[in-house]
Amino acid sequence: MAFKLAIRLKNAIHQRWMHRLGSQRWKNLSHQVNSLEIDNSKQPVVFFNSSTRLGGVSQNAAYSRLTSLGLRAQGIPVIHFVCKSGIQRCILGSNRDEFDQEPPCAQCIEQSHALYSGDKTWFFEYETDEMLDFALETLSVAKCSEFTWHDLPLGFWAVNSLRWVLRRYTLKEDALTRAFMVSFIQSAWNVYQQFSRLAEESNPQAVVVFNGMFFPEAAVRQVCLERNIRVITHEVGIQPFSAFFTEGEATAYPMHIADDFQLNEDMNARLDDYLSNRFSGNFTMAGIKFWPEMQQFDSELASRIALYKKIVPIFSNVIFDTSQVHANTLFKDMFQWLEGIYQSILDHPEVLFILRAHPDEGRKGKASRESVADWVNNRGLLRLPNIIFIDSNQFVSSYELIRRSHFVMNYNSTIGLEATLLGHPVLTAGKARYTQIPTTFFPTSKNEYFDMLEKFLRTEEIEVPEEFMHNARRFLYAQLFLTSLPFGDFLKEDGVWKGYVTLKDFQIQALFPQNSETIQILTDGILNRKEFLRVL
């Protein structure tokens, strides 16, 4: 016990020391940038991101901060809208099992002072609205979910946030959930009011926020939309240390791919090199490596597969992921889709269905509390002889499943696009990033979906339209190499927390547009309304 305590103490000291060093680097860089001239005749750009960091600097927090520094280095006035206990319960600072545990505001505010040292900041605190409190006093979780105030969808913003915090899609009707719902609604209204004052006073030319889905950023985005202020949202990109910026909703990943955009020989070679690594599990997303290893079939799995002529892998998604808001067009949610295909599994005992849980569903510290594994057990699915379930902590190669498949079923995960790239037919149930252009079979209604599913199950050969493969390569290349803006010249892992970063050593001149393609693209996009795209 004493040994374990000593190890924890040593790790805590190391973490604190590394983050202090990181904060000092950010302070030094900020002071260098702020020593440069500023053109106060220009309208400012406001930055806001309260949902991605507390005591350290996450990738999304770093992307926002570096973008602001790149603008400020060019003399553009920048204002940071910063939480100073202005949110009762926040996205990262909430204990999902203990509402009464207050978020670590002091730690977060200290980090804010380090991150924005020398910059113009607007700190906002919490102000009670008794009329709003009274209106919420007797509402259930269900009623809170639909709650509007001054025509603002505060309940909708709270639901999107709470699903992520609680790691579940279906919200329980209990005291804990209700307490969080009320707190998120009250806090969203406070952010909306506080930012309205900032917008009125500063008249910004543009506002940059993290994804725009969680309630603090959603409230700020709403103010901008109402006042016709240009608002840009951002999320992590597909490549390591990269970000995606857009005037749309970053979580939906809107991309305009021109009809005349085609891959040349070099582009195809570059994409093939990426895919060779991807198909072996050698990739990360937001600093997380999902596949510590990629296993081939064991003898038991191979023997069961050998008994069937038709193999249909089913790939689910993480139910609380922010993408699900956009995905749920044919079905209410992913579990309604799974319930629907349950009957198809019963009706086709000659087909082996292999249901694969998303690897992120069981990630330590982010494990889903409404999981596919729970659904499988509650449904008694494994009593059926023609179903195999692969849980999130089993690293059987998804790509080998695809290669053996008759066709692939998925909700909205990236694996659907990858299956097309492997030349296999894909039936998609949820709106995905890649369904913006024809890349998979994506029906327009629930009835059409089940008609197509039945047809595929009965058909011996399913032809994949040539345009699917062609579009899949165009889409993935654009997503990887055109829309993912690289920040790797400025950042490296902090060596303490996965997904958190610290600054590399570089000269301040590296932040000038003439020296950084990324800063040039961000400058043109934020100030001149150009697309946030890299040069072909």
Protein backbone atom coordinates (compact mmCIF):
# COMPACT_ATOMS: atom_id res chain seq x y z
CA MET A 1 0.00 0.00 0.00
CA ALA A 2 2.78 2.44 0.96
CA PHE A 3 4.62 1.63 -2.27
CA LYS A 4 1.52 2.32 -4.41
CA LEU A 5 0.93 5.57 -2.52
CA ALA A 6 4.51 6.63 -3.19
CA ILE A 7 4.13 5.87 -6.91
CA ARG A 8 0.91 7.91 -7.11
CA LEU A 9 2.59 10.81 -5.29
CA LYS A 10 5.57 10.65 -7.62
CA ASN A 11 3.29 10.64 -10.68
CA ALA A 12 1.26 13.56 -9.31
CA ILE A 13 4.42 15.60 -8.74
CA HIS A 14 5.68 14.75 -12.23
CA GLN A 15 2.35 15.71 -13.78
CA ARG A 16 2.22 18.99 -11.93
CA TRP A 17 5.83 19.81 -12.86
CA MET A 18 5.38 18.99 -16.54
CA HIS A 19 2.22 21.08 -16.76
CA ARG A 20 3.99 24.00 -15.04
CA LEU A 21 6.77 23.80 -17.61
CA GLY A 22 4.17 23.68 -20.37
CA SER A 23 2.34 26.69 -18.95
CA GLN A 24 5.57 28.65 -18.82
CA ARG A 25 6.20 27.91 -22.51
CA TRP A 26 2.73 29.22 -23.39
CA LYS A 27 3.32 32.34 -21.26
CA ASN A 28 6.64 33.05 -22.95
CA LEU A 29 5.15 32.65 -26.41
CA SER A 30 2.17 34.84 -25.53
CA HIS A 31 4.39 37.65 -24.27
CA GLN A 32 6.53 37.49 -27.42
CA VAL A 33 3.47 37.77 -29.64
CA ASN A 34 1.94 40.54 -27.55
CA SER A 35 5.11 42.59 -27.89
CA LEU A 36 4.25 43.02 -31.58
CA GLU A 37 2.21 45.97 -32.84
CA ILE A 38 -1.56 45.77 -32.89
CA ASP A 39 -3.97 47.47 -35.28
CA ASN A 40 -6.82 48.62 -33.03
CA SER A 41 -8.66 50.11 -36.02
CA LYS A 42 -9.66 46.56 -36.97
CA GLN A 43 -12.54 44.63 -35.46
CA PRO A 44 -11.40 41.91 -33.06
CA VAL A 45 -11.73 38.17 -33.41
CA VAL A 46 -13.14 36.42 -30.33
CA PHE A 47 -12.11 32.92 -29.26
CA PHE A 48 -14.06 30.65 -26.91
CA ASN A 49 -13.44 27.06 -25.84
CA SER A 50 -14.47 25.96 -22.37
CA SER A 51 -15.19 22.30 -23.06
CA THR A 52 -11.85 20.66 -23.84
CA ARG A 53 -9.41 21.32 -21.00
CA LEU A 54 -8.98 21.89 -17.28
CA GLY A 55 -5.45 21.73 -15.83
CA GLY A 56 -3.53 20.91 -18.99
CA VAL A 57 -3.74 21.84 -22.66
CA SER A 58 -5.65 19.47 -24.92
CA GLN A 59 -5.19 19.34 -28.66
CA ASN A 60 -8.38 21.32 -29.30
CA ALA A 61 -7.39 23.95 -26.75
CA ALA A 62 -3.97 24.23 -28.40
CA TYR A 63 -5.44 24.56 -31.91
CA SER A 64 -7.63 27.42 -30.74
CA ARG A 65 -4.81 29.16 -28.89
CA LEU A 66 -2.28 28.85 -31.71
CA THR A 67 -4.83 30.19 -34.18
CA SER A 68 -5.39 33.23 -31.96
CA LEU A 69 -1.65 33.76 -31.63
CA GLY A 70 -1.25 33.54 -35.40
CA LEU A 71 -3.81 36.32 -35.86
CA ARG A 72 -2.41 38.45 -33.04
CA ALA A 73 1.11 38.15 -34.55
CA GLN A 74 -0.31 39.93 -37.62
CA GLY A 75 -1.65 42.79 -35.52
CA ILE A 76 -5.27 41.56 -35.44
CA PRO A 77 -6.99 42.35 -32.12
CA VAL A 78 -7.99 39.16 -30.29
CA ILE A 79 -10.30 38.72 -27.31
CA HIS A 80 -10.63 35.54 -25.28
CA PHE A 81 -14.02 34.85 -23.70
CA VAL A 82 -12.99 32.86 -20.62
CA CYS A 83 -14.95 31.06 -17.92
CA LYS A 84 -14.31 32.20 -14.35
CA SER A 85 -16.70 29.87 -12.51
CA GLY A 86 -19.34 31.09 -14.97
CA ILE A 87 -20.63 27.56 -15.53
CA GLN A 88 -22.08 25.64 -12.60
CA ARG A 89 -21.16 22.22 -13.98
CA CYS A 90 -18.96 21.98 -17.05
CA ILE A 91 -18.26 19.28 -19.63
CA LEU A 92 -14.91 18.03 -18.33
CA GLY A 93 -15.17 19.21 -14.73
CA SER A 94 -18.30 17.26 -13.79
CA ASN A 95 -18.22 14.05 -11.79
CA ARG A 96 -20.85 12.03 -13.64
CA ASP A 97 -21.59 10.00 -10.49
CA GLU A 98 -21.58 12.83 -7.96
CA PHE A 99 -23.37 16.02 -8.93
CA ASP A 100 -22.48 17.78 -5.69
CA GLN A 101 -18.75 17.58 -6.46
CA GLU A 102 -17.88 21.01 -7.80
CA PRO A 103 -15.65 21.35 -10.85
CA PRO A 104 -11.96 22.28 -10.35
CA CYS A 105 -12.48 25.94 -11.19
CA ALA A 106 -9.33 27.21 -9.46
CA GLN A 107 -7.14 24.83 -11.47
CA CYS A 108 -8.90 25.75 -14.72
CA ILE A 109 -8.72 29.50 -14.09
CA GLU A 110 -5.02 29.19 -13.26
CA GLN A 111 -4.49 27.42 -16.60
CA SER A 112 -6.47 30.14 -18.39
CA HIS A 113 -4.25 32.84 -16.92
CA ALA A 114 -1.19 30.93 -18.16
CA LEU A 115 -2.61 30.20 -21.59
CA TYR A 116 -3.88 33.72 -22.31
CA SER A 117 -1.16 35.61 -20.46
CA GLY A 118 -0.92 39.19 -21.71
CA ASP A 119 -3.94 38.85 -24.01
CA LYS A 120 -7.19 40.77 -23.80
CA THR A 121 -9.62 38.53 -21.91
CA TRP A 122 -13.26 38.77 -20.91
CA PHE A 123 -13.77 36.60 -17.83
CA PHE A 124 -17.38 35.77 -17.07
CA GLU A 125 -18.89 34.58 -13.80
CA TYR A 126 -22.22 32.99 -12.97
CA GLU A 127 -25.27 35.19 -12.42
CA THR A 128 -28.47 33.67 -11.11
CA ASP A 129 -31.72 34.21 -13.00
CA GLU A 130 -34.55 33.62 -10.53
CA MET A 131 -37.25 33.55 -13.20
CA LEU A 132 -35.42 30.80 -15.07
CA ASP A 133 -34.83 28.90 -11.83
CA PHE A 134 -38.55 29.06 -11.06
CA ALA A 135 -39.49 27.86 -14.55
CA LEU A 136 -37.25 24.80 -14.14
CA GLU A 137 -38.26 24.00 -10.58
CA THR A 138 -40.72 21.19 -11.24
CA LEU A 139 -39.67 19.97 -14.69
CA SER A 140 -38.79 16.34 -15.31
CA VAL A 141 -35.75 15.26 -17.31
CA ALA A 142 -37.99 14.72 -20.34
CA LYS A 143 -39.48 18.21 -20.03
CA CYS A 144 -36.05 19.74 -19.47
CA SER A 145 -34.88 18.07 -22.68
CA GLU A 146 -37.50 20.03 -24.63
CA PHE A 147 -37.14 23.25 -22.64
CA THR A 148 -36.87 26.58 -24.43
CA TRP A 149 -36.31 30.01 -22.92
CA HIS A 150 -36.75 33.20 -24.94
CA ASP A 151 -36.99 30.93 -27.99
CA LEU A 152 -33.56 29.42 -27.25
CA PRO A 153 -33.27 25.58 -27.31
CA LEU A 154 -31.50 25.40 -23.96
CA GLY A 155 -32.79 21.88 -23.35
CA PHE A 156 -31.43 20.61 -26.66
CA TRP A 157 -28.00 22.05 -25.93
CA ALA A 158 -28.08 20.47 -22.46
CA VAL A 159 -29.09 17.05 -23.82
CA ASN A 160 -26.24 16.98 -26.35
CA SER A 161 -23.79 17.86 -23.59
CA LEU A 162 -25.18 15.53 -20.94
CA ARG A 163 -25.16 12.51 -23.21
CA TRP A 164 -21.43 12.99 -23.62
CA VAL A 165 -20.83 13.64 -19.92
CA LEU A 166 -22.88 10.63 -18.76
CA ARG A 167 -21.56 8.40 -21.59
CA ARG A 168 -25.05 7.37 -22.61
CA TYR A 169 -27.72 8.38 -25.13
CA THR A 170 -30.87 7.45 -23.23
CA LEU A 171 -31.11 9.78 -20.23
CA LYS A 172 -32.57 8.35 -17.05
CA GLU A 173 -35.45 10.00 -15.22
CA ASP A 174 -33.62 10.32 -11.90
CA ALA A 175 -32.39 13.01 -9.52
CA LEU A 176 -28.77 12.94 -10.73
CA THR A 177 -29.68 13.39 -14.39
CA ARG A 178 -32.20 16.11 -13.58
CA ALA A 179 -29.67 18.03 -11.48
CA PHE A 180 -27.20 18.04 -14.36
CA MET A 181 -29.89 19.00 -16.86
CA VAL A 182 -31.02 21.98 -14.81
CA SER A 183 -27.44 23.09 -14.18
CA PHE A 184 -26.53 22.87 -17.88
CA ILE A 185 -29.64 24.83 -18.88
CA GLN A 186 -28.97 27.55 -16.30
CA SER A 187 -25.32 27.74 -17.33
CA ALA A 188 -26.15 27.87 -21.04
CA TRP A 189 -28.45 30.83 -20.42
CA ASN A 190 -25.73 32.56 -18.41
CA VAL A 191 -23.17 32.05 -21.19
CA TYR A 192 -25.66 33.36 -23.74
CA GLN A 193 -26.30 36.52 -21.73
CA GLN A 194 -22.67 37.14 -20.88
CA PHE A 195 -21.49 36.67 -24.46
CA SER A 196 -24.29 38.91 -25.74
CA ARG A 197 -22.74 41.70 -23.67
CA LEU A 198 -19.29 41.00 -25.07
CA ALA A 199 -20.62 40.94 -28.63
CA GLU A 200 -22.46 44.22 -28.06
CA GLU A 201 -19.39 45.92 -26.64
CA SER A 202 -16.67 44.57 -28.94
CA ASN A 203 -18.52 44.13 -32.26
CA PRO A 204 -16.26 41.25 -33.41
CA GLN A 205 -15.69 40.52 -37.10
CA ALA A 206 -15.60 36.78 -36.35
CA VAL A 207 -15.87 34.31 -33.46
CA VAL A 208 -14.03 30.98 -33.26
CA VAL A 209 -15.43 28.26 -30.98
CA PHE A 210 -14.88 24.58 -30.29
CA ASN A 211 -17.36 22.30 -32.10
CA GLY A 212 -20.48 24.36 -31.29
CA MET A 213 -22.40 21.35 -29.95
CA PHE A 214 -21.73 21.45 -26.21
CA PHE A 215 -23.91 23.96 -24.35
CA PRO A 216 -21.31 26.70 -23.65
CA GLU A 217 -20.11 26.90 -27.25
CA ALA A 218 -23.62 26.34 -28.62
CA ALA A 219 -24.82 29.40 -26.67
CA VAL A 220 -22.00 31.53 -28.06
CA ARG A 221 -22.66 30.28 -31.58
CA GLN A 222 -26.33 31.19 -31.21
CA VAL A 223 -25.47 34.77 -30.26
CA CYS A 224 -23.34 35.01 -33.39
CA LEU A 225 -26.07 33.61 -35.65
CA GLU A 226 -28.61 36.07 -34.24
CA ARG A 227 -26.28 39.04 -34.71
CA ASN A 228 -24.98 37.99 -38.12
CA ILE A 229 -21.47 37.59 -36.74
CA ARG A 230 -19.39 35.10 -38.66
CA VAL A 231 -18.79 32.04 -36.46
CA ILE A 232 -16.23 29.31 -37.13
CA THR A 233 -16.21 25.96 -35.35
CA HIS A 234 -13.35 23.48 -35.09
CA GLU A 235 -12.68 19.86 -34.18
CA VAL A 236 -9.72 17.49 -34.29
CA GLY A 237 -8.73 16.45 -37.79
CA ILE A 238 -8.10 12.95 -39.07
CA GLN A 239 -4.33 13.28 -39.19
CA PRO A 240 -2.20 13.43 -36.01
CA PHE A 241 -1.90 16.96 -34.58
CA SER A 242 -4.40 18.37 -37.08
CA ALA A 243 -7.65 20.34 -36.87
CA PHE A 244 -10.73 20.87 -39.00
CA PHE A 245 -12.19 24.39 -39.21
CA THR A 246 -15.50 25.29 -40.85
CA GLU A 247 -18.27 27.89 -40.97
CA GLY A 248 -20.68 24.98 -40.59
CA GLU A 249 -21.00 22.46 -37.77
CA ALA A 250 -17.59 20.87 -37.25
CA THR A 251 -19.05 17.65 -35.82
CA ALA A 252 -20.90 17.08 -39.10
CA TYR A 253 -17.65 17.70 -41.01
CA PRO A 254 -19.17 19.54 -44.00
CA MET A 255 -16.86 19.32 -47.01
CA HIS A 256 -17.31 20.69 -50.49
CA ILE A 257 -15.67 18.36 -53.00
CA ALA A 258 -15.75 19.84 -56.47
CA ASP A 259 -16.94 17.55 -59.25
CA ASP A 260 -13.68 18.13 -61.13
CA PHE A 261 -11.49 17.19 -58.14
CA GLN A 262 -9.62 14.02 -59.16
CA LEU A 263 -6.61 12.24 -57.71
CA ASN A 264 -3.43 12.15 -59.73
CA GLU A 265 -0.77 9.45 -59.54
CA ASP A 266 1.08 11.05 -56.63
CA MET A 267 -2.14 11.58 -54.68
CA ASN A 268 -3.16 7.96 -55.18
CA ALA A 269 0.24 6.77 -53.99
CA ARG A 270 0.01 9.01 -50.92
CA LEU A 271 -3.45 7.70 -50.09
CA ASP A 272 -2.41 4.07 -50.59
CA ASP A 273 0.49 4.59 -48.19
CA TYR A 274 -1.90 5.93 -45.55
CA LEU A 275 -4.36 3.07 -46.07
CA SER A 276 -1.64 0.43 -45.70
CA ASN A 277 -0.98 1.78 -42.20
CA ARG A 278 -4.65 2.21 -41.41
CA PHE A 279 -5.52 -1.34 -42.40
CA SER A 280 -2.82 -2.64 -40.06
CA GLY A 281 -4.20 -0.60 -37.13
CA ASN A 282 -1.28 1.83 -37.15
CA PHE A 283 -3.06 5.15 -36.63
CA THR A 284 -4.16 7.57 -33.90
CA MET A 285 -7.08 9.97 -33.50
CA ALA A 286 -6.81 12.99 -31.17
CA GLY A 287 -3.73 11.39 -29.64
CA ILE A 288 -5.49 8.07 -28.93
CA LYS A 289 -4.31 4.78 -30.43
CA PHE A 290 -7.38 2.55 -30.66
CA TRP A 291 -5.57 -0.61 -31.72
CA PRO A 292 -2.69 -1.59 -29.40
CA GLU A 293 -2.58 -4.69 -31.56
CA MET A 294 -4.61 -6.10 -34.42
CA GLN A 295 -5.30 -9.81 -34.12
CA GLN A 296 -6.12 -12.31 -36.81
CA PHE A 297 -8.93 -14.84 -36.36
CA ASP A 298 -8.38 -17.50 -33.71
CA SER A 299 -9.23 -21.11 -34.54
CA GLU A 300 -12.69 -20.96 -32.94
CA LEU A 301 -13.74 -17.86 -34.88
CA ALA A 302 -12.27 -19.20 -38.11
CA SER A 303 -14.13 -22.50 -37.65
CA ARG A 304 -17.49 -20.80 -37.13
CA ILE A 305 -16.97 -18.56 -40.13
CA ALA A 306 -16.13 -21.58 -42.27
CA LEU A 307 -19.60 -23.03 -41.64
CA TYR A 308 -21.35 -20.19 -43.48
CA LYS A 309 -21.39 -19.13 -47.08
CA LYS A 310 -22.45 -15.57 -46.26
CA ILE A 311 -20.75 -13.45 -43.59
CA VAL A 312 -22.19 -10.03 -42.70
CA PRO A 313 -20.20 -7.87 -40.25
CA ILE A 314 -22.22 -5.24 -38.37
CA PHE A 315 -20.25 -2.22 -37.17
CA SER A 316 -21.80 -0.05 -34.45
CA ASN A 317 -20.73 3.35 -33.14
CA VAL A 318 -20.30 5.06 -29.77
CA ILE A 319 -23.83 6.01 -28.76
CA PHE A 320 -22.95 9.26 -26.94
CA ASP A 321 -20.61 10.59 -29.63
CA THR A 322 -21.52 14.08 -30.86
CA SER A 323 -21.78 12.71 -34.40
CA GLN A 324 -24.97 10.89 -33.43
CA VAL A 325 -27.00 14.11 -33.55
CA HIS A 326 -26.30 14.24 -37.27
CA ALA A 327 -26.42 10.47 -37.84
CA ASN A 328 -29.96 9.84 -36.60
CA THR A 329 -31.92 10.53 -39.79
CA LEU A 330 -33.46 7.14 -40.60
CA PHE A 331 -33.54 5.83 -37.02
CA LYS A 332 -34.19 7.50 -33.69
CA ASP A 333 -30.83 6.23 -32.50
CA MET A 334 -28.36 3.43 -33.07
CA PHE A 335 -30.12 1.01 -30.74
CA GLN A 336 -33.37 1.38 -32.66
CA TRP A 337 -31.37 0.33 -35.72
CA LEU A 338 -29.99 -2.70 -33.88
CA GLU A 339 -33.48 -3.65 -32.73
CA GLY A 340 -34.63 -3.44 -36.33
CA ILE A 341 -31.96 -5.74 -37.70
CA TYR A 342 -32.51 -8.25 -34.88
CA GLN A 343 -35.48 -9.62 -36.81
CA SER A 344 -33.33 -9.98 -39.92
CA ILE A 345 -30.87 -12.08 -37.92
CA LEU A 346 -33.74 -14.34 -36.88
CA ASP A 347 -35.10 -14.57 -40.42
CA HIS A 348 -31.78 -15.59 -41.97
CA PRO A 349 -30.22 -18.48 -40.02
CA GLU A 350 -28.15 -19.29 -43.12
CA VAL A 351 -26.17 -16.04 -42.70
CA LEU A 352 -23.53 -15.50 -40.03
CA PHE A 353 -23.79 -12.00 -38.56
CA ILE A 354 -20.75 -10.65 -36.68
CA LEU A 355 -21.59 -7.64 -34.53
CA ARG A 356 -18.55 -5.51 -33.77
CA ALA A 357 -18.57 -2.91 -30.95
CA HIS A 358 -16.63 0.26 -31.67
CA PRO A 359 -13.16 0.13 -30.05
CA ASP A 360 -13.73 3.52 -28.41
CA GLU A 361 -16.77 2.20 -26.54
CA GLY A 362 -14.61 0.67 -23.83
CA ARG A 363 -11.81 3.24 -23.70
CA LYS A 364 -10.54 3.72 -20.15
CA GLY A 365 -11.95 6.94 -18.71
CA LYS A 366 -14.48 7.24 -21.53
CA ALA A 367 -16.26 3.89 -21.44
CA SER A 368 -19.86 3.93 -22.62
CA ARG A 369 -22.53 3.37 -19.99
CA GLU A 370 -25.07 2.40 -22.60
CA SER A 371 -23.05 -0.08 -24.57
CA VAL A 372 -23.62 -2.50 -27.40
CA ALA A 373 -22.33 -5.23 -25.07
CA ASP A 374 -25.16 -4.45 -22.63
CA TRP A 375 -27.70 -4.50 -25.46
CA VAL A 376 -26.39 -7.87 -26.67
CA ASN A 377 -26.69 -9.37 -23.18
CA ASN A 378 -30.10 -7.87 -22.43
CA ARG A 379 -31.44 -9.05 -25.80
CA GLY A 380 -30.06 -12.54 -25.31
CA LEU A 381 -28.51 -12.26 -28.74
CA LEU A 382 -25.80 -14.82 -28.16
CA ARG A 383 -28.39 -17.59 -27.82
CA LEU A 384 -28.75 -17.41 -31.58
CA PRO A 385 -26.38 -19.75 -33.45
CA ASN A 386 -25.80 -17.32 -36.34
CA ILE A 387 -24.47 -14.36 -34.37
CA ILE A 388 -21.00 -13.59 -33.05
CA PHE A 389 -20.28 -10.58 -30.86
CA ILE A 390 -16.84 -8.94 -30.75
CA ASP A 391 -16.55 -6.52 -27.84
CA SER A 392 -14.62 -3.24 -27.83
CA ASN A 393 -11.67 -4.74 -25.94
CA GLN A 394 -11.19 -7.53 -28.46
CA PHE A 395 -8.76 -6.52 -31.19
CA VAL A 396 -9.80 -8.86 -33.96
CA SER A 397 -9.04 -7.25 -37.32
CA SER A 398 -12.11 -5.46 -38.65
CA TYR A 399 -10.49 -5.40 -42.07
CA GLU A 400 -10.23 -9.17 -42.18
CA LEU A 401 -13.94 -9.33 -41.33
CA ILE A 402 -14.63 -7.01 -44.25
CA ARG A 403 -12.53 -9.09 -46.64
CA ARG A 404 -14.58 -12.19 -45.72
CA SER A 405 -17.92 -10.40 -45.93
CA HIS A 406 -20.85 -10.82 -48.29
CA PHE A 407 -21.57 -7.18 -47.52
CA VAL A 408 -21.00 -4.83 -44.59
CA MET A 409 -23.56 -3.14 -42.34
CA ASN A 410 -22.65 -0.04 -40.38
CA TYR A 411 -24.28 2.91 -38.65
CA ASN A 412 -22.04 5.92 -39.36
CA SER A 413 -18.50 4.93 -38.40
CA THR A 414 -15.51 5.45 -40.68
CA ILE A 415 -15.26 1.70 -41.21
CA GLY A 416 -18.05 2.03 -43.79
CA LEU A 417 -15.88 4.22 -45.99
CA GLU A 418 -12.93 1.88 -45.50
CA ALA A 419 -15.02 -1.14 -46.50
CA THR A 420 -15.89 0.60 -49.76
CA LEU A 421 -12.19 1.25 -50.31
CA LEU A 422 -11.62 -2.48 -49.87
CA GLY A 423 -14.13 -3.08 -52.66
CA HIS A 424 -17.02 -4.42 -50.57
CA PRO A 425 -20.66 -3.30 -50.60
CA VAL A 426 -21.72 -1.30 -47.55
CA LEU A 427 -25.24 -0.67 -46.27
CA THR A 428 -25.18 2.44 -44.07
CA ALA A 429 -27.94 3.22 -41.56
CA GLY A 430 -26.84 6.61 -40.19
CA LYS A 431 -25.83 9.81 -41.91
CA ALA A 432 -22.04 9.89 -41.95
CA ARG A 433 -19.39 12.37 -43.03
CA TYR A 434 -18.82 10.39 -46.22
CA THR A 435 -22.50 10.11 -47.18
CA GLN A 436 -22.24 13.72 -48.39
CA ILE A 437 -21.38 12.11 -51.72
CA PRO A 438 -22.27 8.58 -52.95
CA THR A 439 -19.80 6.23 -51.23
CA THR A 440 -22.04 3.54 -49.69
CA PHE A 441 -25.61 2.33 -50.08
CA PHE A 442 -27.48 4.85 -47.94
CA PRO A 443 -31.31 4.58 -48.25
CA THR A 444 -33.54 7.62 -47.87
CA SER A 445 -36.08 6.03 -45.49
CA LYS A 446 -36.37 3.30 -42.88
CA ASN A 447 -38.60 1.19 -45.14
CA GLU A 448 -36.17 1.49 -48.00
CA TYR A 449 -33.36 0.48 -45.67
CA PHE A 450 -35.02 -2.79 -44.64
CA ASP A 451 -36.07 -3.54 -48.22
CA MET A 452 -32.47 -3.14 -49.31
CA LEU A 453 -31.21 -5.21 -46.38
CA GLU A 454 -33.52 -8.07 -47.30
CA LYS A 455 -32.49 -7.86 -50.95
CA PHE A 456 -28.79 -7.95 -50.04
CA LEU A 457 -29.26 -10.95 -47.75
CA ARG A 458 -30.98 -12.92 -50.51
CA THR A 459 -28.73 -11.81 -53.37
CA GLU A 460 -25.72 -13.98 -54.24
CA GLU A 461 -23.59 -11.18 -55.69
CA ILE A 462 -23.86 -7.46 -54.88
CA GLU A 463 -22.25 -5.11 -57.33
CA VAL A 464 -20.51 -2.09 -55.91
CA PRO A 465 -21.04 0.94 -58.16
CA GLU A 466 -17.75 2.17 -59.57
CA GLU A 467 -18.55 5.71 -58.42
CA PHE A 468 -18.59 4.53 -54.77
CA MET A 469 -14.92 3.53 -54.88
CA HIS A 470 -14.01 6.60 -56.91
CA ASN A 471 -15.82 8.95 -54.53
CA ALA A 472 -14.50 7.18 -51.43
CA ARG A 473 -10.91 7.82 -52.50
CA ARG A 474 -11.68 11.45 -53.36
CA PHE A 475 -13.46 12.00 -50.05
CA LEU A 476 -10.83 10.36 -47.88
CA TYR A 477 -7.97 12.16 -49.62
CA ALA A 478 -9.72 15.50 -49.13
CA GLN A 479 -10.45 14.71 -45.49
CA LEU A 480 -6.88 13.64 -44.79
CA PHE A 481 -4.77 16.02 -46.81
CA LEU A 482 -6.91 19.04 -47.65
CA THR A 483 -9.19 19.76 -44.68
CA SER A 484 -6.98 18.49 -41.83
CA LEU A 485 -4.80 21.49 -41.03
CA PRO A 486 -1.47 20.39 -39.50
CA PHE A 487 -0.21 21.84 -36.21
CA GLY A 488 2.65 19.38 -35.80
CA ASP A 489 5.27 22.09 -36.34
CA PHE A 490 4.15 23.68 -33.08
CA LEU A 491 2.99 20.83 -30.84
CA LYS A 492 4.08 17.55 -29.32
CA GLU A 493 2.59 15.20 -26.72
CA ASP A 494 2.98 16.48 -23.18
CA GLY A 495 4.06 13.07 -21.89
CA VAL A 496 1.50 13.16 -19.07
CA TRP A 497 -2.05 12.74 -20.38
CA LYS A 498 -3.07 11.10 -23.63
CA GLY A 499 -4.40 13.65 -26.09
CA TYR A 500 -2.76 16.56 -24.24
CA VAL A 501 0.06 18.57 -25.72
CA THR A 502 2.83 21.04 -25.06
CA LEU A 503 4.72 23.45 -27.29
CA LYS A 504 7.74 22.53 -29.33
CA ASP A 505 10.67 24.92 -29.42
CA PHE A 506 10.22 27.34 -32.31
CA GLN A 507 10.83 30.98 -33.13
CA ILE A 508 7.96 33.45 -33.08
CA GLN A 509 8.41 33.96 -36.84
CA ALA A 510 7.00 30.45 -37.33
CA LEU A 511 3.56 31.91 -36.54
CA PHE A 512 3.66 34.35 -39.46
CA PRO A 513 1.51 33.33 -42.45
CA GLN A 514 4.46 33.48 -44.85
CA ASN A 515 6.18 30.79 -42.75
CA SER A 516 3.20 28.55 -41.98
CA GLU A 517 0.72 27.15 -44.46
CA THR A 518 -1.70 26.41 -41.60
CA ILE A 519 -1.62 29.97 -40.24
CA GLN A 520 -2.05 31.33 -43.77
CA ILE A 521 -5.13 29.16 -44.36
CA LEU A 522 -6.62 30.08 -40.98
CA THR A 523 -5.98 33.78 -41.58
CA ASP A 524 -7.60 33.67 -45.01
CA GLY A 525 -10.50 31.62 -43.70
CA ILE A 526 -11.27 33.70 -40.61
CA LEU A 527 -10.58 37.18 -42.01
CA ASN A 528 -11.25 36.79 -45.74
CA ARG A 529 -13.98 34.11 -45.85
CA LYS A 530 -11.91 31.66 -47.86
CA GLU A 531 -12.28 27.90 -47.46
CA PHE A 532 -10.16 26.22 -44.80
CA LEU A 533 -8.37 24.03 -47.33
CA ARG A 534 -4.77 23.17 -48.01
CA VAL A 535 -3.34 23.67 -51.48
CA LEU A 536 -3.53 20.60 -53.74
